[in-house]
Amino acid sequence: SLVIALALRKATPFRRLMKTALLLPLAIPVFTAALLINVTFD
């Protein structure tokens, strides 16, 4: 996370979009995350 934060430290056109994309997994419900694990690694 520190390496990626250092790469995103400078303002870029896609910085806000990348921050939003990186935060999306945290917003996924627990049941959905467990379902994704089953679908992927079954």
PDB file of all heavy atoms in Angstrom:
ATOM      1  N   SER A   1       0.820  -1.209   0.000  1.00  0.00           N
ATOM      2  CA  SER A   1       0.000   0.000   0.000  1.00  0.00           C
ATOM      3  C   SER A   1       0.856   1.261   0.000  1.00  0.00           C
ATOM      4  O   SER A   1       0.507   2.258  -0.644  1.00  0.00           O
ATOM      5  CB  SER A   1      -0.933  -0.001   1.228  1.00  0.00           C
ATOM      6  OG  SER A   1      -0.179  -0.038   2.431  1.00  0.00           O
ATOM      7  N   LEU A   2       2.005   1.241   0.700  1.00  0.00           N
ATOM      8  CA  LEU A   2       2.888   2.406   0.710  1.00  0.00           C
ATOM      9  C   LEU A   2       3.503   2.639  -0.670  1.00  0.00           C
ATOM     10  O   LEU A   2       3.606   3.789  -1.124  1.00  0.00           O
ATOM     11  CB  LEU A   2       3.988   2.227   1.758  1.00  0.00           C
ATOM     12  CG  LEU A   2       4.989   3.373   1.892  1.00  0.00           C
ATOM     13  CD1 LEU A   2       4.291   4.685   2.207  1.00  0.00           C
ATOM     14  CD2 LEU A   2       6.044   3.058   2.959  1.00  0.00           C
ATOM     15  N   VAL A   3       3.915   1.575  -1.343  1.00  0.00           N
ATOM     16  CA  VAL A   3       4.495   1.720  -2.685  1.00  0.00           C
ATOM     17  C   VAL A   3       3.459   2.312  -3.645  1.00  0.00           C
ATOM     18  O   VAL A   3       3.767   3.225  -4.425  1.00  0.00           O
ATOM     19  CB  VAL A   3       4.994   0.353  -3.192  1.00  0.00           C
ATOM     20  CG1 VAL A   3       5.348   0.424  -4.675  1.00  0.00           C
ATOM     21  CG2 VAL A   3       6.205  -0.094  -2.393  1.00  0.00           C
ATOM     22  N   ILE A   4       2.231   1.809  -3.588  1.00  0.00           N
ATOM     23  CA  ILE A   4       1.187   2.336  -4.478  1.00  0.00           C
ATOM     24  C   ILE A   4       0.842   3.777  -4.104  1.00  0.00           C
ATOM     25  O   ILE A   4       0.613   4.621  -4.980  1.00  0.00           O
ATOM     26  CB  ILE A   4      -0.062   1.447  -4.419  1.00  0.00           C
ATOM     27  CG1 ILE A   4       0.280   0.045  -4.928  1.00  0.00           C
ATOM     28  CG2 ILE A   4      -1.196   2.044  -5.250  1.00  0.00           C
ATOM     29  CD1 ILE A   4      -0.861  -0.945  -4.832  1.00  0.00           C
ATOM     30  N   ALA A   5       0.824   4.091  -2.801  1.00  0.00           N
ATOM     31  CA  ALA A   5       0.544   5.465  -2.380  1.00  0.00           C
ATOM     32  C   ALA A   5       1.617   6.427  -2.873  1.00  0.00           C
ATOM     33  O   ALA A   5       1.316   7.555  -3.281  1.00  0.00           O
ATOM     34  CB  ALA A   5       0.429   5.525  -0.855  1.00  0.00           C
ATOM     35  N   LEU A   6       2.873   5.993  -2.852  1.00  0.00           N
ATOM     36  CA  LEU A   6       3.957   6.836  -3.375  1.00  0.00           C
ATOM     37  C   LEU A   6       3.793   7.060  -4.878  1.00  0.00           C
ATOM     38  O   LEU A   6       4.079   8.151  -5.385  1.00  0.00           O
ATOM     39  CB  LEU A   6       5.307   6.191  -3.089  1.00  0.00           C
ATOM     40  CG  LEU A   6       5.762   6.205  -1.626  1.00  0.00           C
ATOM     41  CD1 LEU A   6       7.013   5.345  -1.443  1.00  0.00           C
ATOM     42  CD2 LEU A   6       6.034   7.636  -1.155  1.00  0.00           C
ATOM     43  N   ALA A   7       3.316   6.028  -5.582  1.00  0.00           N
ATOM     44  CA  ALA A   7       3.093   6.183  -7.019  1.00  0.00           C
ATOM     45  C   ALA A   7       1.923   7.103  -7.317  1.00  0.00           C
ATOM     46  O   ALA A   7       1.914   7.804  -8.342  1.00  0.00           O
ATOM     47  CB  ALA A   7       2.862   4.817  -7.657  1.00  0.00           C
ATOM     48  N   LEU A   8       0.927   7.128  -6.406  1.00  0.00           N
ATOM     49  CA  LEU A   8      -0.254   7.969  -6.615  1.00  0.00           C
ATOM     50  C   LEU A   8      -0.112   9.345  -5.977  1.00  0.00           C
ATOM     51  O   LEU A   8      -1.053  10.137  -6.033  1.00  0.00           O
ATOM     52  CB  LEU A   8      -1.494   7.277  -6.031  1.00  0.00           C
ATOM     53  CG  LEU A   8      -1.955   5.997  -6.708  1.00  0.00           C
ATOM     54  CD1 LEU A   8      -3.146   5.403  -5.956  1.00  0.00           C
ATOM     55  CD2 LEU A   8      -2.332   6.262  -8.161  1.00  0.00           C
ATOM     56  N   ARG A   9       1.043   9.603  -5.338  1.00  0.00           N
ATOM     57  CA  ARG A   9       1.201  10.866  -4.618  1.00  0.00           C
ATOM     58  C   ARG A   9       1.112  12.061  -5.539  1.00  0.00           C
ATOM     59  O   ARG A   9       0.504  13.088  -5.212  1.00  0.00           O
ATOM     60  CB  ARG A   9       2.548  10.878  -3.887  1.00  0.00           C
ATOM     61  CG  ARG A   9       2.747  12.087  -2.992  1.00  0.00           C
ATOM     62  CD  ARG A   9       4.036  11.950  -2.179  1.00  0.00           C
ATOM     63  NE  ARG A   9       4.178  13.058  -1.274  1.00  0.00           N
ATOM     64  CZ  ARG A   9       4.816  14.194  -1.556  1.00  0.00           C
ATOM     65  NH1 ARG A   9       5.380  14.335  -2.752  1.00  0.00           N
ATOM     66  NH2 ARG A   9       4.908  15.164  -0.676  1.00  0.00           N
ATOM     67  N   LYS A  10       1.722  11.955  -6.709  1.00  0.00           N
ATOM     68  CA  LYS A  10       1.655  13.045  -7.673  1.00  0.00           C
ATOM     69  C   LYS A  10       0.302  13.038  -8.377  1.00  0.00           C
ATOM     70  O   LYS A  10      -0.232  11.998  -8.705  1.00  0.00           O
ATOM     71  CB  LYS A  10       2.776  12.913  -8.696  1.00  0.00           C
ATOM     72  CG  LYS A  10       4.167  13.075  -8.096  1.00  0.00           C
ATOM     73  CD  LYS A  10       5.232  13.007  -9.171  1.00  0.00           C
ATOM     74  CE  LYS A  10       6.626  13.199  -8.580  1.00  0.00           C
ATOM     75  NZ  LYS A  10       7.680  13.134  -9.619  1.00  0.00           N
ATOM     76  N   ALA A  11      -0.234  14.215  -8.574  1.00  0.00           N
ATOM     77  CA  ALA A  11      -1.547  14.335  -9.204  1.00  0.00           C
ATOM     78  C   ALA A  11      -1.480  13.879 -10.651  1.00  0.00           C
ATOM     79  O   ALA A  11      -0.616  14.303 -11.422  1.00  0.00           O
ATOM     80  CB  ALA A  11      -2.035  15.784  -9.134  1.00  0.00           C
ATOM     81  N   THR A  12      -2.382  12.971 -11.016  1.00  0.00           N
ATOM     82  CA  THR A  12      -2.506  12.485 -12.385  1.00  0.00           C
ATOM     83  C   THR A  12      -3.977  12.543 -12.784  1.00  0.00           C
ATOM     84  O   THR A  12      -4.857  12.594 -11.914  1.00  0.00           O
ATOM     85  CB  THR A  12      -1.989  11.042 -12.506  1.00  0.00           C
ATOM     86  OG1 THR A  12      -2.783  10.196 -11.648  1.00  0.00           O
ATOM     87  CG2 THR A  12      -0.525  10.941 -12.099  1.00  0.00           C
ATOM     88  N   PRO A  13      -4.272  12.511 -14.062  1.00  0.00           N
ATOM     89  CA  PRO A  13      -5.672  12.569 -14.487  1.00  0.00           C
ATOM     90  C   PRO A  13      -6.520  11.416 -13.956  1.00  0.00           C
ATOM     91  O   PRO A  13      -7.727  11.553 -13.788  1.00  0.00           O
ATOM     92  CB  PRO A  13      -5.568  12.512 -16.023  1.00  0.00           C
ATOM     93  CG  PRO A  13      -4.191  13.004 -16.333  1.00  0.00           C
ATOM     94  CD  PRO A  13      -3.340  12.549 -15.196  1.00  0.00           C
ATOM     95  N   PHE A  14      -5.894  10.257 -13.683  1.00  0.00           N
ATOM     96  CA  PHE A  14      -6.647   9.087 -13.253  1.00  0.00           C
ATOM     97  C   PHE A  14      -6.502   8.811 -11.757  1.00  0.00           C
ATOM     98  O   PHE A  14      -6.882   7.742 -11.294  1.00  0.00           O
ATOM     99  CB  PHE A  14      -6.170   7.856 -14.031  1.00  0.00           C
ATOM    100  CG  PHE A  14      -6.304   7.999 -15.526  1.00  0.00           C
ATOM    101  CD1 PHE A  14      -5.199   8.282 -16.304  1.00  0.00           C
ATOM    102  CD2 PHE A  14      -7.548   7.880 -16.128  1.00  0.00           C
ATOM    103  CE1 PHE A  14      -5.326   8.417 -17.677  1.00  0.00           C
ATOM    104  CE2 PHE A  14      -7.683   8.016 -17.501  1.00  0.00           C
ATOM    105  CZ  PHE A  14      -6.570   8.288 -18.285  1.00  0.00           C
ATOM    106  N   ARG A  15      -5.948   9.768 -11.005  1.00  0.00           N
ATOM    107  CA  ARG A  15      -5.698   9.518  -9.589  1.00  0.00           C
ATOM    108  C   ARG A  15      -6.999   9.277  -8.825  1.00  0.00           C
ATOM    109  O   ARG A  15      -7.115   8.298  -8.070  1.00  0.00           O
ATOM    110  CB  ARG A  15      -4.948  10.700  -8.978  1.00  0.00           C
ATOM    111  CG  ARG A  15      -4.666  10.531  -7.481  1.00  0.00           C
ATOM    112  CD  ARG A  15      -3.986  11.753  -6.919  1.00  0.00           C
ATOM    113  NE  ARG A  15      -3.795  11.626  -5.487  1.00  0.00           N
ATOM    114  CZ  ARG A  15      -3.269  12.560  -4.713  1.00  0.00           C
ATOM    115  NH1 ARG A  15      -2.871  13.704  -5.256  1.00  0.00           N
ATOM    116  NH2 ARG A  15      -3.128  12.371  -3.413  1.00  0.00           N
ATOM    117  N   ARG A  16      -7.996  10.131  -9.029  1.00  0.00           N
ATOM    118  CA  ARG A  16      -9.259   9.974  -8.299  1.00  0.00           C
ATOM    119  C   ARG A  16      -9.959   8.676  -8.704  1.00  0.00           C
ATOM    120  O   ARG A  16     -10.522   7.969  -7.854  1.00  0.00           O
ATOM    121  CB  ARG A  16     -10.163  11.172  -8.589  1.00  0.00           C
ATOM    122  CG  ARG A  16     -11.489  11.136  -7.848  1.00  0.00           C
ATOM    123  CD  ARG A  16     -12.259  12.415  -8.020  1.00  0.00           C
ATOM    124  NE  ARG A  16     -11.536  13.556  -7.470  1.00  0.00           N
ATOM    125  CZ  ARG A  16     -11.989  14.806  -7.519  1.00  0.00           C
ATOM    126  NH1 ARG A  16     -13.173  15.072  -8.102  1.00  0.00           N
ATOM    127  NH2 ARG A  16     -11.287  15.783  -6.993  1.00  0.00           N
ATOM    128  N   LEU A  17      -9.921   8.352  -9.989  1.00  0.00           N
ATOM    129  CA  LEU A  17     -10.549   7.118 -10.454  1.00  0.00           C
ATOM    130  C   LEU A  17      -9.862   5.898  -9.853  1.00  0.00           C
ATOM    131  O   LEU A  17     -10.526   4.931  -9.438  1.00  0.00           O
ATOM    132  CB  LEU A  17     -10.500   7.059 -11.981  1.00  0.00           C
ATOM    133  CG  LEU A  17     -11.097   5.806 -12.637  1.00  0.00           C
ATOM    134  CD1 LEU A  17     -12.578   5.699 -12.309  1.00  0.00           C
ATOM    135  CD2 LEU A  17     -10.881   5.843 -14.144  1.00  0.00           C
ATOM    136  N   MET A  18      -8.531   5.934  -9.762  1.00  0.00           N
ATOM    137  CA  MET A  18      -7.796   4.808  -9.198  1.00  0.00           C
ATOM    138  C   MET A  18      -8.066   4.663  -7.703  1.00  0.00           C
ATOM    139  O   MET A  18      -8.203   3.541  -7.195  1.00  0.00           O
ATOM    140  CB  MET A  18      -6.304   4.984  -9.454  1.00  0.00           C
ATOM    141  CG  MET A  18      -5.900   4.876 -10.915  1.00  0.00           C
ATOM    142  SD  MET A  18      -4.112   5.013 -11.171  1.00  0.00           S
ATOM    143  CE  MET A  18      -3.548   3.519 -10.357  1.00  0.00           C
ATOM    144  N   LYS A  19      -8.165   5.773  -6.981  1.00  0.00           N
ATOM    145  CA  LYS A  19      -8.480   5.708  -5.561  1.00  0.00           C
ATOM    146  C   LYS A  19      -9.859   5.103  -5.340  1.00  0.00           C
ATOM    147  O   LYS A  19     -10.061   4.280  -4.440  1.00  0.00           O
ATOM    148  CB  LYS A  19      -8.401   7.102  -4.933  1.00  0.00           C
ATOM    149  CG  LYS A  19      -6.984   7.625  -4.785  1.00  0.00           C
ATOM    150  CD  LYS A  19      -6.968   9.087  -4.364  1.00  0.00           C
ATOM    151  CE  LYS A  19      -7.595   9.295  -3.015  1.00  0.00           C
ATOM    152  NZ  LYS A  19      -7.518  10.711  -2.587  1.00  0.00           N
ATOM    153  N   THR A  20     -10.822   5.494  -6.173  1.00  0.00           N
ATOM    154  CA  THR A  20     -12.170   4.942  -6.062  1.00  0.00           C
ATOM    155  C   THR A  20     -12.164   3.448  -6.350  1.00  0.00           C
ATOM    156  O   THR A  20     -12.804   2.658  -5.647  1.00  0.00           O
ATOM    157  CB  THR A  20     -13.115   5.663  -7.030  1.00  0.00           C
ATOM    158  OG1 THR A  20     -13.092   7.072  -6.753  1.00  0.00           O
ATOM    159  CG2 THR A  20     -14.535   5.142  -6.876  1.00  0.00           C
ATOM    160  N   ALA A  21     -11.433   3.044  -7.401  1.00  0.00           N
ATOM    161  CA  ALA A  21     -11.368   1.627  -7.752  1.00  0.00           C
ATOM    162  C   ALA A  21     -10.721   0.806  -6.647  1.00  0.00           C
ATOM    163  O   ALA A  21     -11.141  -0.326  -6.363  1.00  0.00           O
ATOM    164  CB  ALA A  21     -10.602   1.457  -9.063  1.00  0.00           C
ATOM    165  N   LEU A  22      -9.694   1.357  -5.996  1.00  0.00           N
ATOM    166  CA  LEU A  22      -9.018   0.632  -4.933  1.00  0.00           C
ATOM    167  C   LEU A  22      -9.877   0.502  -3.680  1.00  0.00           C
ATOM    168  O   LEU A  22      -9.719  -0.436  -2.895  1.00  0.00           O
ATOM    169  CB  LEU A  22      -7.698   1.325  -4.587  1.00  0.00           C
ATOM    170  CG  LEU A  22      -6.596   1.220  -5.644  1.00  0.00           C
ATOM    171  CD1 LEU A  22      -5.458   2.176  -5.328  1.00  0.00           C
ATOM    172  CD2 LEU A  22      -6.073  -0.212  -5.722  1.00  0.00           C
ATOM    173  N   LEU A  23     -10.800   1.452  -3.471  1.00  0.00           N
ATOM    174  CA  LEU A  23     -11.667   1.412  -2.289  1.00  0.00           C
ATOM    175  C   LEU A  23     -12.914   0.550  -2.499  1.00  0.00           C
ATOM    176  O   LEU A  23     -13.603   0.223  -1.528  1.00  0.00           O
ATOM    177  CB  LEU A  23     -12.089   2.828  -1.892  1.00  0.00           C
ATOM    178  CG  LEU A  23     -11.037   3.667  -1.160  1.00  0.00           C
ATOM    179  CD1 LEU A  23     -11.522   5.099  -0.990  1.00  0.00           C
ATOM    180  CD2 LEU A  23     -10.712   3.060   0.192  1.00  0.00           C
ATOM    181  N   LEU A  24     -13.215   0.210  -3.732  1.00  0.00           N
ATOM    182  CA  LEU A  24     -14.421  -0.574  -4.009  1.00  0.00           C
ATOM    183  C   LEU A  24     -14.452  -1.924  -3.279  1.00  0.00           C
ATOM    184  O   LEU A  24     -15.505  -2.310  -2.756  1.00  0.00           O
ATOM    185  CB  LEU A  24     -14.573  -0.786  -5.518  1.00  0.00           C
ATOM    186  CG  LEU A  24     -15.207   0.380  -6.297  1.00  0.00           C
ATOM    187  CD1 LEU A  24     -15.257   0.045  -7.785  1.00  0.00           C
ATOM    188  CD2 LEU A  24     -16.608   0.682  -5.777  1.00  0.00           C
ATOM    189  N   PRO A  25     -13.339  -2.682  -3.224  1.00  0.00           N
ATOM    190  CA  PRO A  25     -13.409  -3.966  -2.508  1.00  0.00           C
ATOM    191  C   PRO A  25     -13.837  -3.840  -1.056  1.00  0.00           C
ATOM    192  O   PRO A  25     -14.487  -4.738  -0.514  1.00  0.00           O
ATOM    193  CB  PRO A  25     -11.974  -4.502  -2.618  1.00  0.00           C
ATOM    194  CG  PRO A  25     -11.437  -3.875  -3.853  1.00  0.00           C
ATOM    195  CD  PRO A  25     -12.039  -2.500  -3.894  1.00  0.00           C
ATOM    196  N   LEU A  26     -13.476  -2.723  -0.414  1.00  0.00           N
ATOM    197  CA  LEU A  26     -13.863  -2.524   0.979  1.00  0.00           C
ATOM    198  C   LEU A  26     -15.367  -2.318   1.120  1.00  0.00           C
ATOM    199  O   LEU A  26     -15.952  -2.635   2.156  1.00  0.00           O
ATOM    200  CB  LEU A  26     -13.109  -1.321   1.563  1.00  0.00           C
ATOM    201  CG  LEU A  26     -13.190  -1.121   3.078  1.00  0.00           C
ATOM    202  CD1 LEU A  26     -12.527  -2.294   3.792  1.00  0.00           C
ATOM    203  CD2 LEU A  26     -12.522   0.177   3.484  1.00  0.00           C
ATOM    204  N   ALA A  27     -16.001  -1.786   0.072  1.00  0.00           N
ATOM    205  CA  ALA A  27     -17.435  -1.526   0.111  1.00  0.00           C
ATOM    206  C   ALA A  27     -18.274  -2.745  -0.261  1.00  0.00           C
ATOM    207  O   ALA A  27     -19.492  -2.732  -0.097  1.00  0.00           O
ATOM    208  CB  ALA A  27     -17.780  -0.369  -0.831  1.00  0.00           C
ATOM    209  N   ILE A  28     -17.622  -3.797  -0.763  1.00  0.00           N
ATOM    210  CA  ILE A  28     -18.361  -5.007  -1.141  1.00  0.00           C
ATOM    211  C   ILE A  28     -18.827  -5.727   0.121  1.00  0.00           C
ATOM    212  O   ILE A  28     -18.044  -5.936   1.051  1.00  0.00           O
ATOM    213  CB  ILE A  28     -17.464  -5.929  -1.990  1.00  0.00           C
ATOM    214  CG1 ILE A  28     -17.138  -5.260  -3.324  1.00  0.00           C
ATOM    215  CG2 ILE A  28     -18.136  -7.274  -2.229  1.00  0.00           C
ATOM    216  CD1 ILE A  28     -16.200  -6.066  -4.189  1.00  0.00           C
ATOM    217  N   PRO A  29     -20.103  -6.127   0.194  1.00  0.00           N
ATOM    218  CA  PRO A  29     -20.577  -6.861   1.386  1.00  0.00           C
ATOM    219  C   PRO A  29     -19.805  -8.156   1.598  1.00  0.00           C
ATOM    220  O   PRO A  29     -19.253  -8.744   0.663  1.00  0.00           O
ATOM    221  CB  PRO A  29     -22.052  -7.140   1.041  1.00  0.00           C
ATOM    222  CG  PRO A  29     -22.425  -6.119   0.024  1.00  0.00           C
ATOM    223  CD  PRO A  29     -21.172  -5.845  -0.764  1.00  0.00           C
ATOM    224  N   VAL A  30     -19.772  -8.592   2.842  1.00  0.00           N
ATOM    225  CA  VAL A  30     -19.015  -9.787   3.201  1.00  0.00           C
ATOM    226  C   VAL A  30     -19.541 -11.006   2.449  1.00  0.00           C
ATOM    227  O   VAL A  30     -18.762 -11.830   1.950  1.00  0.00           O
ATOM    228  CB  VAL A  30     -19.088 -10.018   4.720  1.00  0.00           C
ATOM    229  CG1 VAL A  30     -18.372 -11.311   5.105  1.00  0.00           C
ATOM    230  CG2 VAL A  30     -18.480  -8.841   5.469  1.00  0.00           C
ATOM    231  N   PHE A  31     -20.852 -11.128   2.361  1.00  0.00           N
ATOM    232  CA  PHE A  31     -21.431 -12.285   1.671  1.00  0.00           C
ATOM    233  C   PHE A  31     -21.018 -12.302   0.199  1.00  0.00           C
ATOM    234  O   PHE A  31     -20.706 -13.359  -0.358  1.00  0.00           O
ATOM    235  CB  PHE A  31     -22.953 -12.259   1.790  1.00  0.00           C
ATOM    236  CG  PHE A  31     -23.636 -13.392   1.064  1.00  0.00           C
ATOM    237  CD1 PHE A  31     -23.684 -14.652   1.638  1.00  0.00           C
ATOM    238  CD2 PHE A  31     -24.192 -13.204  -0.184  1.00  0.00           C
ATOM    239  CE1 PHE A  31     -24.297 -15.711   0.982  1.00  0.00           C
ATOM    240  CE2 PHE A  31     -24.802 -14.245  -0.848  1.00  0.00           C
ATOM    241  CZ  PHE A  31     -24.862 -15.509  -0.269  1.00  0.00           C
ATOM    242  N   THR A  32     -20.992 -11.124  -0.423  1.00  0.00           N
ATOM    243  CA  THR A  32     -20.574 -11.049  -1.824  1.00  0.00           C
ATOM    244  C   THR A  32     -19.110 -11.432  -1.983  1.00  0.00           C
ATOM    245  O   THR A  32     -18.733 -12.122  -2.936  1.00  0.00           O
ATOM    246  CB  THR A  32     -20.816  -9.631  -2.361  1.00  0.00           C
ATOM    247  OG1 THR A  32     -22.189  -9.273  -2.156  1.00  0.00           O
ATOM    248  CG2 THR A  32     -20.501  -9.543  -3.846  1.00  0.00           C
ATOM    249  N   ALA A  33     -18.269 -10.982  -1.056  1.00  0.00           N
ATOM    250  CA  ALA A  33     -16.853 -11.345  -1.111  1.00  0.00           C
ATOM    251  C   ALA A  33     -16.666 -12.850  -0.965  1.00  0.00           C
ATOM    252  O   ALA A  33     -15.854 -13.463  -1.674  1.00  0.00           O
ATOM    253  CB  ALA A  33     -16.083 -10.603  -0.018  1.00  0.00           C
ATOM    254  N   ALA A  34     -17.421 -13.470  -0.042  1.00  0.00           N
ATOM    255  CA  ALA A  34     -17.336 -14.922   0.119  1.00  0.00           C
ATOM    256  C   ALA A  34     -17.828 -15.641  -1.136  1.00  0.00           C
ATOM    257  O   ALA A  34     -17.258 -16.666  -1.543  1.00  0.00           O
ATOM    258  CB  ALA A  34     -18.156 -15.356   1.330  1.00  0.00           C
ATOM    259  N   LEU A  35     -18.874 -15.107  -1.759  1.00  0.00           N
ATOM    260  CA  LEU A  35     -19.385 -15.699  -2.998  1.00  0.00           C
ATOM    261  C   LEU A  35     -18.347 -15.607  -4.107  1.00  0.00           C
ATOM    262  O   LEU A  35     -18.162 -16.554  -4.885  1.00  0.00           O
ATOM    263  CB  LEU A  35     -20.676 -15.002  -3.412  1.00  0.00           C
ATOM    264  CG  LEU A  35     -21.389 -15.543  -4.658  1.00  0.00           C
ATOM    265  CD1 LEU A  35     -21.802 -16.990  -4.438  1.00  0.00           C
ATOM    266  CD2 LEU A  35     -22.602 -14.673  -4.998  1.00  0.00           C
ATOM    267  N   LEU A  36     -17.628 -14.477  -4.184  1.00  0.00           N
ATOM    268  CA  LEU A  36     -16.577 -14.328  -5.191  1.00  0.00           C
ATOM    269  C   LEU A  36     -15.446 -15.334  -4.970  1.00  0.00           C
ATOM    270  O   LEU A  36     -14.877 -15.870  -5.930  1.00  0.00           O
ATOM    271  CB  LEU A  36     -16.025 -12.901  -5.152  1.00  0.00           C
ATOM    272  CG  LEU A  36     -16.933 -11.805  -5.719  1.00  0.00           C
ATOM    273  CD1 LEU A  36     -16.318 -10.430  -5.470  1.00  0.00           C
ATOM    274  CD2 LEU A  36     -17.163 -12.014  -7.208  1.00  0.00           C
ATOM    275  N   ILE A  37     -15.120 -15.585  -3.694  1.00  0.00           N
ATOM    276  CA  ILE A  37     -14.085 -16.582  -3.396  1.00  0.00           C
ATOM    277  C   ILE A  37     -14.516 -17.955  -3.878  1.00  0.00           C
ATOM    278  O   ILE A  37     -13.743 -18.694  -4.502  1.00  0.00           O
ATOM    279  CB  ILE A  37     -13.777 -16.596  -1.891  1.00  0.00           C
ATOM    280  CG1 ILE A  37     -13.137 -15.279  -1.455  1.00  0.00           C
ATOM    281  CG2 ILE A  37     -12.853 -17.753  -1.540  1.00  0.00           C
ATOM    282  CD1 ILE A  37     -12.914 -15.169   0.034  1.00  0.00           C
ATOM    283  N   ASN A  38     -15.788 -18.315  -3.609  1.00  0.00           N
ATOM    284  CA  ASN A  38     -16.292 -19.614  -4.044  1.00  0.00           C
ATOM    285  C   ASN A  38     -16.323 -19.729  -5.562  1.00  0.00           C
ATOM    286  O   ASN A  38     -15.926 -20.756  -6.128  1.00  0.00           O
ATOM    287  CB  ASN A  38     -17.694 -19.843  -3.480  1.00  0.00           C
ATOM    288  CG  ASN A  38     -17.670 -20.469  -2.097  1.00  0.00           C
ATOM    289  OD1 ASN A  38     -16.810 -21.294  -1.801  1.00  0.00           O
ATOM    290  ND2 ASN A  38     -18.594 -20.077  -1.243  1.00  0.00           N
ATOM    291  N   VAL A  39     -16.795 -18.673  -6.217  1.00  0.00           N
ATOM    292  CA  VAL A  39     -16.886 -18.706  -7.674  1.00  0.00           C
ATOM    293  C   VAL A  39     -15.502 -18.802  -8.309  1.00  0.00           C
ATOM    294  O   VAL A  39     -15.313 -19.478  -9.326  1.00  0.00           O
ATOM    295  CB  VAL A  39     -17.636 -17.456  -8.183  1.00  0.00           C
ATOM    296  CG1 VAL A  39     -17.529 -17.331  -9.697  1.00  0.00           C
ATOM    297  CG2 VAL A  39     -19.099 -17.507  -7.773  1.00  0.00           C
ATOM    298  N   THR A  40     -14.528 -18.145  -7.690  1.00  0.00           N
ATOM    299  CA  THR A  40     -13.181 -18.115  -8.273  1.00  0.00           C
ATOM    300  C   THR A  40     -12.383 -19.368  -7.948  1.00  0.00           C
ATOM    301  O   THR A  40     -11.712 -19.935  -8.819  1.00  0.00           O
ATOM    302  CB  THR A  40     -12.424 -16.878  -7.776  1.00  0.00           C
ATOM    303  OG1 THR A  40     -13.192 -15.704  -8.073  1.00  0.00           O
ATOM    304  CG2 THR A  40     -11.070 -16.769  -8.457  1.00  0.00           C
ATOM    305  N   PHE A  41     -12.450 -19.843  -6.691  1.00  0.00           N
ATOM    306  CA  PHE A  41     -11.524 -20.887  -6.250  1.00  0.00           C
ATOM    307  C   PHE A  41     -12.194 -22.231  -5.981  1.00  0.00           C
ATOM    308  O   PHE A  41     -11.555 -23.127  -5.413  1.00  0.00           O
ATOM    309  CB  PHE A  41     -10.788 -20.426  -4.994  1.00  0.00           C
ATOM    310  CG  PHE A  41      -9.916 -19.220  -5.228  1.00  0.00           C
ATOM    311  CD1 PHE A  41     -10.318 -17.966  -4.788  1.00  0.00           C
ATOM    312  CD2 PHE A  41      -8.715 -19.335  -5.902  1.00  0.00           C
ATOM    313  CE1 PHE A  41      -9.521 -16.850  -5.001  1.00  0.00           C
ATOM    314  CE2 PHE A  41      -7.918 -18.231  -6.121  1.00  0.00           C
ATOM    315  CZ  PHE A  41      -8.317 -16.986  -5.675  1.00  0.00           C
ATOM    316  N   ASP A  42     -13.430 -22.389  -6.351  1.00  0.00           N
ATOM    317  CA  ASP A  42     -14.066 -23.696  -6.243  1.00  0.00           C
ATOM    318  C   ASP A  42     -13.398 -24.678  -7.211  1.00  0.00           C
ATOM    319  O   ASP A  42     -12.672 -24.274  -8.137  1.00  0.00           O
ATOM    320  CB  ASP A  42     -15.562 -23.568  -6.543  1.00  0.00           C
ATOM    321  CG  ASP A  42     -16.304 -24.857  -6.248  1.00  0.00           C
ATOM    322  OD1 ASP A  42     -16.413 -25.206  -5.059  1.00  0.00           O
ATOM    323  OD2 ASP A  42     -16.751 -25.516  -7.208  1.00  0.00           O
TER     324      ASP A  42
END
